[in-house]
Amino acid sequence: MPAMIEITSWLRIDEDDLIWKATRASGPGGQHVNKTSTAIELRFDVRNSPYLPDDVKDRLTALAGSRMTQDGVLVLFAQGSRSQEMNRQDALDRLIDLIRRATEKPKPRKATKPTYSSKLKRLETKSKRGTVKSGRGRVKFDD
């Protein structure tokens, strides 16, 4: 049986669907960073995942933004630690957090109308502003 990663009580993803790649981290760091591959690139094919419902896929795509490729693959890059294992855990934690946030259904917006007093206040402010602006025109002398 494949190892499953628990996202929520009702949602799990297969660990075999994750593609891990170790690369060299960018930035300063001296000799250590130049010779070890401690940075981790995690890829997860959201579009073709059989474990995610369609509405979660849509919300995850929106949440991921530029981290989502056009093919529907989520790419996370972790290079904060000098340890490859810690970067691997960081990338996995970020993936789980992102999917958890995508499982939360947004609260439906209730349409509201502005109150009568707020309408009056807005119109009063507009007329005051118009009076101020009309006073900025050319000065006319009555002779």
Foldseek 3Di string as FASTA:
>chain_A
DFDWDDLDPQAIFGPVQKDKDFAQDDDDDPPLSVPDRQKIKIKHQLVPGPGDDPQLLVLLCVLQPPQADPNRIGIDIFDPDSHSVVSVVVRVVVVSVSSNVSVDDDDDDDDDDDDPVVVVVVVVVVVVVVVVVVVPDDDDDDD
